[in-house]
N, C-alpha and C. Protein backbone atom coordinates (compact mmCIF):
# COMPACT_ATOMS: atom_id res chain seq x y z
N MET A 1 17.69 18.96 -0.34
CA MET A 1 16.64 18.48 -1.23
C MET A 1 16.29 19.52 -2.28
N GLU A 2 16.92 20.65 -2.24
CA GLU A 2 16.60 21.71 -3.18
C GLU A 2 17.04 21.39 -4.61
N LYS A 3 18.02 20.48 -4.75
CA LYS A 3 18.50 20.19 -6.10
C LYS A 3 17.43 19.49 -6.92
N THR A 4 17.50 19.68 -8.21
CA THR A 4 16.52 19.06 -9.09
C THR A 4 16.99 17.67 -9.48
N TYR A 5 16.06 16.90 -10.00
CA TYR A 5 16.39 15.55 -10.46
C TYR A 5 17.18 15.63 -11.75
N SER A 6 18.05 14.65 -11.97
CA SER A 6 18.75 14.56 -13.26
C SER A 6 17.72 14.23 -14.33
N GLN A 7 18.07 14.48 -15.58
CA GLN A 7 17.15 14.17 -16.68
C GLN A 7 16.76 12.70 -16.68
N ARG A 8 17.74 11.85 -16.42
CA ARG A 8 17.48 10.40 -16.43
C ARG A 8 16.52 10.02 -15.31
N THR A 9 16.77 10.52 -14.10
CA THR A 9 15.91 10.21 -12.96
C THR A 9 14.51 10.76 -13.20
N ARG A 10 14.43 11.97 -13.71
CA ARG A 10 13.13 12.58 -13.98
C ARG A 10 12.34 11.74 -14.99
N LYS A 11 13.01 11.28 -16.03
CA LYS A 11 12.34 10.46 -17.05
C LYS A 11 11.87 9.14 -16.44
N GLN A 12 12.68 8.54 -15.58
CA GLN A 12 12.29 7.30 -14.91
C GLN A 12 11.04 7.52 -14.05
N LEU A 13 11.02 8.64 -13.31
CA LEU A 13 9.86 8.95 -12.48
C LEU A 13 8.62 9.21 -13.34
N GLN A 14 8.79 9.88 -14.46
CA GLN A 14 7.67 10.12 -15.36
C GLN A 14 7.11 8.79 -15.88
N ASN A 15 8.00 7.88 -16.26
CA ASN A 15 7.55 6.57 -16.74
C ASN A 15 6.81 5.80 -15.66
N LYS A 16 7.27 5.90 -14.43
CA LYS A 16 6.57 5.24 -13.32
C LYS A 16 5.18 5.83 -13.12
N MET A 17 5.07 7.14 -13.25
CA MET A 17 3.76 7.79 -13.13
C MET A 17 2.83 7.32 -14.24
N LEU A 18 3.37 7.21 -15.45
CA LEU A 18 2.56 6.73 -16.57
C LEU A 18 2.09 5.30 -16.33
N GLU A 19 2.96 4.46 -15.80
CA GLU A 19 2.57 3.08 -15.49
C GLU A 19 1.51 3.04 -14.40
N LEU A 20 1.72 3.85 -13.38
CA LEU A 20 0.81 3.84 -12.23
C LEU A 20 -0.59 4.31 -12.60
N PHE A 21 -0.67 5.34 -13.42
CA PHE A 21 -1.96 5.94 -13.76
C PHE A 21 -2.39 5.64 -15.20
N ILE A 22 -1.98 4.50 -15.72
CA ILE A 22 -2.25 4.17 -17.12
C ILE A 22 -3.75 4.18 -17.44
N GLU A 23 -4.57 3.64 -16.56
CA GLU A 23 -6.01 3.60 -16.83
C GLU A 23 -6.61 5.00 -16.83
N GLU A 24 -6.17 5.84 -15.90
CA GLU A 24 -6.71 7.19 -15.81
C GLU A 24 -6.27 8.06 -16.98
N MET A 25 -5.08 7.82 -17.49
CA MET A 25 -4.53 8.66 -18.56
C MET A 25 -4.79 8.09 -19.95
N ASP A 26 -5.32 6.90 -20.02
CA ASP A 26 -5.47 6.19 -21.30
C ASP A 26 -6.24 6.99 -22.34
N SER A 27 -7.19 7.79 -21.92
CA SER A 27 -8.00 8.53 -22.89
C SER A 27 -7.31 9.78 -23.43
N LEU A 28 -6.17 10.14 -22.83
CA LEU A 28 -5.43 11.33 -23.28
C LEU A 28 -4.47 10.97 -24.41
N PRO A 29 -4.23 11.91 -25.30
CA PRO A 29 -3.19 11.69 -26.32
C PRO A 29 -1.82 11.54 -25.64
N HIS A 30 -0.92 10.88 -26.33
CA HIS A 30 0.41 10.58 -25.76
C HIS A 30 1.14 11.83 -25.28
N ASP A 31 1.08 12.91 -26.06
CA ASP A 31 1.81 14.12 -25.64
C ASP A 31 1.23 14.72 -24.36
N LEU A 32 -0.09 14.65 -24.19
CA LEU A 32 -0.68 15.15 -22.95
C LEU A 32 -0.38 14.23 -21.76
N GLN A 33 -0.27 12.94 -22.02
CA GLN A 33 0.15 12.01 -20.97
C GLN A 33 1.54 12.38 -20.46
N GLN A 34 2.42 12.71 -21.40
CA GLN A 34 3.78 13.09 -21.02
C GLN A 34 3.79 14.38 -20.20
N VAL A 35 2.99 15.34 -20.61
CA VAL A 35 2.91 16.61 -19.87
C VAL A 35 2.38 16.36 -18.46
N LEU A 36 1.33 15.57 -18.35
CA LEU A 36 0.76 15.28 -17.04
C LEU A 36 1.74 14.54 -16.15
N ALA A 37 2.45 13.57 -16.70
CA ALA A 37 3.45 12.83 -15.92
C ALA A 37 4.55 13.77 -15.43
N ASP A 38 4.97 14.69 -16.28
CA ASP A 38 5.98 15.67 -15.89
C ASP A 38 5.45 16.58 -14.77
N ASP A 39 4.20 16.99 -14.89
CA ASP A 39 3.59 17.82 -13.84
C ASP A 39 3.51 17.08 -12.51
N LEU A 40 3.19 15.80 -12.56
CA LEU A 40 3.12 15.00 -11.33
C LEU A 40 4.48 14.88 -10.66
N VAL A 41 5.52 14.68 -11.45
CA VAL A 41 6.87 14.60 -10.90
C VAL A 41 7.27 15.95 -10.29
N THR A 42 6.95 17.04 -10.97
CA THR A 42 7.26 18.36 -10.44
C THR A 42 6.52 18.61 -9.13
N ALA A 43 5.24 18.29 -9.09
CA ALA A 43 4.45 18.48 -7.88
C ALA A 43 5.00 17.65 -6.73
N PHE A 44 5.37 16.41 -7.01
CA PHE A 44 5.94 15.54 -5.98
C PHE A 44 7.24 16.14 -5.44
N HIS A 45 8.10 16.57 -6.33
CA HIS A 45 9.38 17.15 -5.92
C HIS A 45 9.16 18.40 -5.07
N ASN A 46 8.25 19.26 -5.50
CA ASN A 46 7.97 20.48 -4.74
C ASN A 46 7.42 20.18 -3.35
N ARG A 47 6.50 19.24 -3.27
CA ARG A 47 5.92 18.87 -1.98
C ARG A 47 6.97 18.26 -1.07
N LEU A 48 7.81 17.41 -1.61
CA LEU A 48 8.88 16.79 -0.83
C LEU A 48 9.84 17.85 -0.30
N THR A 49 10.17 18.83 -1.13
CA THR A 49 11.05 19.92 -0.71
C THR A 49 10.45 20.70 0.46
N VAL A 50 9.17 21.00 0.38
CA VAL A 50 8.50 21.73 1.47
C VAL A 50 8.53 20.92 2.76
N PHE A 51 8.22 19.64 2.67
CA PHE A 51 8.22 18.79 3.87
C PHE A 51 9.61 18.67 4.48
N MET A 52 10.62 18.60 3.63
CA MET A 52 11.99 18.53 4.15
C MET A 52 12.35 19.82 4.88
N LYS A 53 11.93 20.96 4.36
CA LYS A 53 12.18 22.23 5.02
C LYS A 53 11.47 22.29 6.37
N ILE A 54 10.22 21.86 6.39
CA ILE A 54 9.46 21.85 7.64
C ILE A 54 10.14 20.95 8.66
N GLN A 55 10.56 19.79 8.22
CA GLN A 55 11.19 18.84 9.13
C GLN A 55 12.50 19.38 9.69
N SER A 56 13.24 20.13 8.90
CA SER A 56 14.55 20.61 9.33
C SER A 56 14.46 21.87 10.20
N ARG A 57 13.31 22.51 10.24
CA ARG A 57 13.15 23.73 11.02
C ARG A 57 12.00 23.55 12.00
N PRO A 58 12.32 23.20 13.24
CA PRO A 58 11.28 22.90 14.23
C PRO A 58 10.23 24.00 14.38
N GLN A 59 10.60 25.25 14.19
CA GLN A 59 9.62 26.32 14.34
C GLN A 59 8.55 26.29 13.26
N LEU A 60 8.79 25.55 12.17
CA LEU A 60 7.81 25.42 11.09
C LEU A 60 6.96 24.17 11.21
N GLN A 61 7.33 23.27 12.09
CA GLN A 61 6.61 22.01 12.19
C GLN A 61 5.17 22.26 12.61
N VAL A 62 4.29 21.53 11.98
CA VAL A 62 2.86 21.67 12.23
C VAL A 62 2.39 20.44 12.98
N GLN A 63 1.62 20.68 14.01
CA GLN A 63 1.02 19.57 14.73
C GLN A 63 -0.35 19.31 14.13
N PHE A 64 -0.53 18.15 13.54
CA PHE A 64 -1.80 17.81 12.92
C PHE A 64 -2.68 17.08 13.91
N SER A 65 -3.86 17.60 14.14
CA SER A 65 -4.82 16.92 14.99
C SER A 65 -5.53 15.87 14.15
N GLU A 66 -6.22 14.97 14.81
CA GLU A 66 -6.98 13.94 14.08
C GLU A 66 -8.03 14.59 13.19
N GLU A 67 -8.62 15.69 13.66
CA GLU A 67 -9.63 16.40 12.89
C GLU A 67 -9.03 16.97 11.61
N ASN A 68 -7.84 17.58 11.72
CA ASN A 68 -7.18 18.13 10.54
C ASN A 68 -6.78 17.04 9.57
N LEU A 69 -6.28 15.93 10.09
CA LEU A 69 -5.90 14.82 9.21
C LEU A 69 -7.13 14.28 8.46
N ALA A 70 -8.27 14.21 9.14
CA ALA A 70 -9.48 13.73 8.49
C ALA A 70 -9.89 14.67 7.35
N ARG A 71 -9.73 15.98 7.56
CA ARG A 71 -10.06 16.95 6.50
C ARG A 71 -9.10 16.82 5.33
N ILE A 72 -7.83 16.59 5.61
CA ILE A 72 -6.83 16.45 4.55
C ILE A 72 -7.13 15.23 3.69
N ARG A 73 -7.57 14.15 4.32
CA ARG A 73 -7.83 12.90 3.61
C ARG A 73 -9.07 12.95 2.73
N LYS A 74 -9.96 13.90 2.95
CA LYS A 74 -11.20 13.99 2.15
C LYS A 74 -10.93 14.38 0.73
């Protein structure tokens, strides 16, 4: 999962982010919408990479208690 997305895939993901958050981003200029969408794709990719590493290395796996999950959801 360490590889980066192709330009085409990245652009598709950015467009999906723009569609998904259109109401929230509507007040931003178009160029800032693009920057934010790119940041969201980068953050998603980074988080996914970390989770894949955790999953592949049992010594890194974290046991989440109900209490911890409740804090994460806040």
